[in-house]
Protein backbone atom coordinates (compact mmCIF):
# COMPACT_ATOMS: atom_id res chain seq x y z
CA UNK A 1 -7.57 -5.29 -8.70
CA UNK A 2 -6.76 -5.01 -5.08
CA UNK A 3 -8.83 -6.28 -2.15
CA UNK A 4 -11.70 -3.77 -2.05
CA UNK A 5 -15.21 -3.85 -3.44
CA UNK A 6 -14.49 -6.99 -5.43
CA UNK A 7 -17.76 -7.40 -7.31
CA UNK A 8 -17.71 -3.91 -8.77
CA UNK A 9 -14.09 -4.28 -9.77
CA UNK A 10 -14.68 -7.63 -11.42
CA UNK A 11 -17.67 -6.27 -13.29
CA UNK A 12 -15.68 -3.27 -14.53
CA UNK A 13 -12.76 -5.49 -15.52
CA UNK A 14 -15.09 -7.79 -17.44
CA UNK A 15 -16.62 -4.84 -19.32
CA UNK A 16 -13.19 -3.41 -20.08
CA UNK A 17 -11.77 -6.72 -21.27
CA UNK A 18 -14.77 -7.24 -23.52
CA UNK A 19 -14.31 -3.76 -24.96
CA UNK A 20 -10.59 -4.37 -25.46
CA UNK A 21 -11.20 -7.62 -27.28
CA UNK A 22 -13.74 -5.93 -29.56
CA UNK A 23 -11.68 -2.84 -30.26
CA UNK A 24 -8.44 -2.52 -32.16
CA UNK A 25 -5.28 -1.52 -30.35
CA UNK A 26 -4.34 2.08 -31.00
CA UNK A 27 -0.74 3.13 -31.56
CA UNK A 28 1.17 5.91 -29.91
CA UNK A 29 0.98 6.87 -26.30
CA UNK A 30 3.71 7.40 -23.78
CA UNK A 31 4.11 3.88 -22.50
CA UNK A 32 7.31 3.62 -20.54
CA UNK A 33 8.31 7.22 -21.04
CA UNK A 34 6.63 9.26 -18.37
CA UNK A 35 3.45 11.02 -17.53
CA UNK A 36 0.86 13.10 -19.15
CA UNK A 37 -1.91 14.84 -17.31
CA UNK A 38 -4.23 13.17 -14.90
CA UNK A 39 -7.76 13.39 -13.74
CA UNK A 40 -9.42 12.19 -10.63
CA UNK A 41 -7.98 12.40 -7.19
CA UNK A 42 -4.41 11.33 -7.70
CA UNK A 43 -4.91 7.99 -6.03
CA UNK A 44 -6.49 6.83 -2.88
CA UNK A 45 -6.61 9.03 0.13
CA UNK A 46 -7.28 6.62 2.95
CA UNK A 47 -4.70 5.37 5.39
CA UNK A 48 -5.78 1.76 5.29
CA UNK A 49 -5.04 -0.81 2.62
CA UNK A 50 -7.07 -0.72 -0.54
CA UNK A 51 -8.41 2.29 -2.32
CA UNK A 52 -11.43 4.38 -1.67
CA UNK A 53 -14.20 2.22 -3.08
CA UNK A 54 -17.60 2.81 -1.62
CA UNK A 55 -21.16 2.26 -2.64
CA UNK A 56 -24.62 2.09 -1.28
CA UNK A 57 -27.76 0.23 -2.22
CA UNK A 58 -29.47 3.52 -3.09
CA UNK A 59 -27.90 3.67 -6.56
CA UNK A 60 -25.05 5.87 -5.42
CA UNK A 61 -21.95 5.44 -7.59
CA UNK A 62 -19.26 3.01 -6.51
CA UNK A 63 -15.98 4.90 -6.41
CA UNK A 64 -13.07 2.98 -7.92
CA UNK A 65 -9.57 4.42 -7.83
CA UNK A 66 -7.32 3.49 -10.75
CA UNK A 67 -3.64 4.12 -11.44
CA UNK A 68 -1.96 3.85 -14.81
CA UNK A 69 1.29 4.89 -16.47
CA UNK A 70 -0.22 5.78 -19.86
CA UNK A 71 -2.68 8.58 -20.61
CA UNK A 72 -4.27 6.59 -23.46
CA UNK A 73 -4.96 3.73 -21.05
CA UNK A 74 -6.61 6.20 -18.67
CA UNK A 75 -8.81 7.54 -21.46
CA UNK A 76 -9.79 4.00 -22.44
CA UNK A 77 -10.80 3.02 -18.89
CA UNK A 78 -12.72 6.26 -18.41
CA UNK A 79 -14.63 5.50 -21.60
CA UNK A 80 -15.27 1.95 -20.41
CA UNK A 81 -16.65 3.29 -17.12
CA UNK A 82 -18.97 5.60 -19.06
CA UNK A 83 -20.20 2.66 -21.18
CA UNK A 84 -20.70 0.63 -17.99
CA UNK A 85 -22.78 3.44 -16.47
CA UNK A 86 -24.95 3.70 -19.57
CA UNK A 87 -25.58 -0.04 -19.60
CA UNK A 88 -25.99 -0.33 -15.80
CA UNK A 89 -27.68 2.82 -14.48
CA UNK A 90 -28.68 0.95 -11.30
CA UNK A 91 -24.99 0.18 -10.49
CA UNK A 92 -23.02 3.27 -11.54
CA UNK A 93 -19.26 3.55 -11.20
CA UNK A 94 -17.26 6.68 -10.52
CA UNK A 95 -13.76 5.98 -11.81
CA UNK A 96 -11.08 8.17 -10.26
CA UNK A 97 -8.22 7.57 -12.67
CA UNK A 98 -4.71 8.99 -12.48
CA UNK A 99 -1.77 8.74 -14.87
CA UNK A 100 1.65 8.76 -13.20
CA UNK A 101 5.13 8.60 -14.70
CA UNK A 102 5.96 5.00 -15.62
CA UNK A 103 8.54 4.22 -12.94
CA UNK A 104 6.79 6.25 -10.22
CA UNK A 105 3.50 4.44 -10.72
CA UNK A 106 5.05 0.99 -10.47
CA UNK A 107 7.27 1.87 -7.50
CA UNK A 108 4.46 3.58 -5.57
CA UNK A 109 2.05 0.74 -6.30
CA UNK A 110 4.53 -1.89 -5.12
CA UNK A 111 5.13 0.06 -1.89
CA UNK A 112 1.39 0.50 -1.37
CA UNK A 113 0.48 -3.16 -1.82
CA UNK A 114 3.39 -4.35 0.30
CA UNK A 115 2.60 -1.94 3.12
CA UNK A 116 -1.18 -2.30 2.86
CA UNK A 117 -1.57 1.50 2.80
CA UNK A 118 -2.82 3.73 -0.01
CA UNK A 119 -3.16 1.29 -2.90
CA UNK A 120 -5.78 1.99 -5.58
CA UNK A 121 -8.63 -0.39 -6.18
CA UNK A 122 -7.38 -1.17 -9.68
CA UNK A 123 -4.01 -0.69 -11.39
CA UNK A 124 -2.59 -0.95 -14.90
CA UNK A 125 0.65 -2.85 -14.32
CA UNK A 126 2.97 -3.07 -17.31
CA UNK A 127 3.73 -6.67 -18.33
CA UNK A 128 7.47 -6.48 -17.63
CA UNK A 129 6.79 -5.20 -14.10
CA UNK A 130 4.12 -7.73 -13.14
CA UNK A 131 6.55 -10.36 -11.83
CA UNK A 132 7.56 -7.89 -9.08
CA UNK A 133 4.01 -8.08 -7.74
CA UNK A 134 4.07 -11.89 -7.59
CA UNK A 135 7.11 -12.19 -5.32
CA UNK A 136 6.41 -13.65 -1.90
CA UNK A 137 2.72 -13.72 -1.12
CA UNK A 138 0.95 -11.67 -3.82
CA UNK A 139 -1.14 -8.84 -2.38
CA UNK A 140 -3.37 -8.73 -5.46
CA UNK A 141 -6.89 -10.11 -5.69
CA UNK A 142 -7.16 -13.63 -7.16
CA UNK A 143 -9.23 -13.64 -10.37
CA UNK A 144 -9.69 -17.35 -10.96
CA UNK A 145 -13.45 -17.20 -10.40
CA UNK A 146 -13.86 -14.95 -13.46
CA UNK A 147 -11.05 -16.49 -15.53
CA UNK A 148 -11.83 -20.19 -15.11
CA UNK A 149 -15.22 -20.11 -16.93
CA UNK A 150 -13.59 -18.54 -20.03
CA UNK A 151 -10.08 -19.96 -19.70
CA UNK A 152 -10.50 -22.12 -22.82
CA UNK A 153 -10.93 -18.91 -24.87
CA UNK A 154 -7.72 -17.34 -23.56
CA UNK A 155 -4.09 -17.88 -24.43
CA UNK A 156 -2.63 -19.86 -21.52
CA UNK A 157 0.92 -18.52 -21.97
CA UNK A 158 -0.44 -14.99 -21.55
CA UNK A 159 -2.31 -15.98 -18.36
CA UNK A 160 0.86 -17.61 -17.01
CA UNK A 161 2.55 -14.19 -16.95
CA UNK A 162 -0.07 -12.99 -14.46
CA UNK A 163 -0.26 -16.18 -12.39
CA UNK A 164 1.50 -17.81 -9.46
CA UNK A 165 0.93 -21.35 -8.17
CA UNK A 166 -2.22 -21.73 -10.29
CA UNK A 167 -3.77 -18.47 -9.11
CA UNK A 168 -4.41 -15.71 -11.67
CA UNK A 169 -3.78 -12.18 -10.33
CA UNK A 170 -4.01 -10.12 -13.50
CA UNK A 171 -5.35 -10.24 -17.02
CA UNK A 172 -3.77 -9.35 -20.34
CA UNK A 173 -5.47 -6.57 -22.23
CA UNK A 174 -4.15 -7.52 -25.67
CA UNK A 175 -1.83 -9.82 -27.55
CA UNK A 176 0.48 -7.62 -29.58
CA UNK A 177 1.86 -8.77 -32.89
CA UNK A 178 5.62 -8.97 -33.34
CA UNK A 179 7.42 -8.58 -36.63
CA UNK A 180 11.08 -9.29 -37.28
CA UNK A 181 13.02 -8.28 -40.35
CA UNK A 182 16.46 -9.47 -41.35
CA UNK A 183 18.88 -8.82 -44.20
CA UNK A 184 19.21 -12.04 -46.23
CA UNK A 185 22.47 -10.85 -47.77
CA UNK A 186 24.14 -10.52 -44.37
CA UNK A 187 22.48 -13.50 -42.66
CA UNK A 188 22.01 -15.59 -45.81
């Protein structure tokens, strides 16, 4: 969700969020533990800020680079891009997704957005790391124009995690359930 080809990114995000809301969360994965394989280009290749998004009015695919830390997330977004392309053949997307080890992805992304060099167009930032991207002047794309019309359908405390000074810079992809057990004999 970085400053490049904003309309295509927002459209893809909207499709993906809709799909996430409609689908159940799957268990497993390697969240927080490292990398699995990758596909795509391994990130952006340009020397300027932003990824490698490009498109033309001739129906050529808009290239969107995407970094994640979880192979299951990559698979989900690739599937969402395929569904987008089926539903929107006049505005195709070519998603170049890459899964990196958890810490590497977050460190490299933070360096890229702070330096303005080599950041992907879209990134899957883990919730506990997101505050690092809000320090100082956030270098992420504001999303208020797509959030505000549906804000009443969202959980405000979840949006607050991805916001600074009233500006929303990221969106939650799910609200996970928490369960706590305790021993009544010990705590009783």
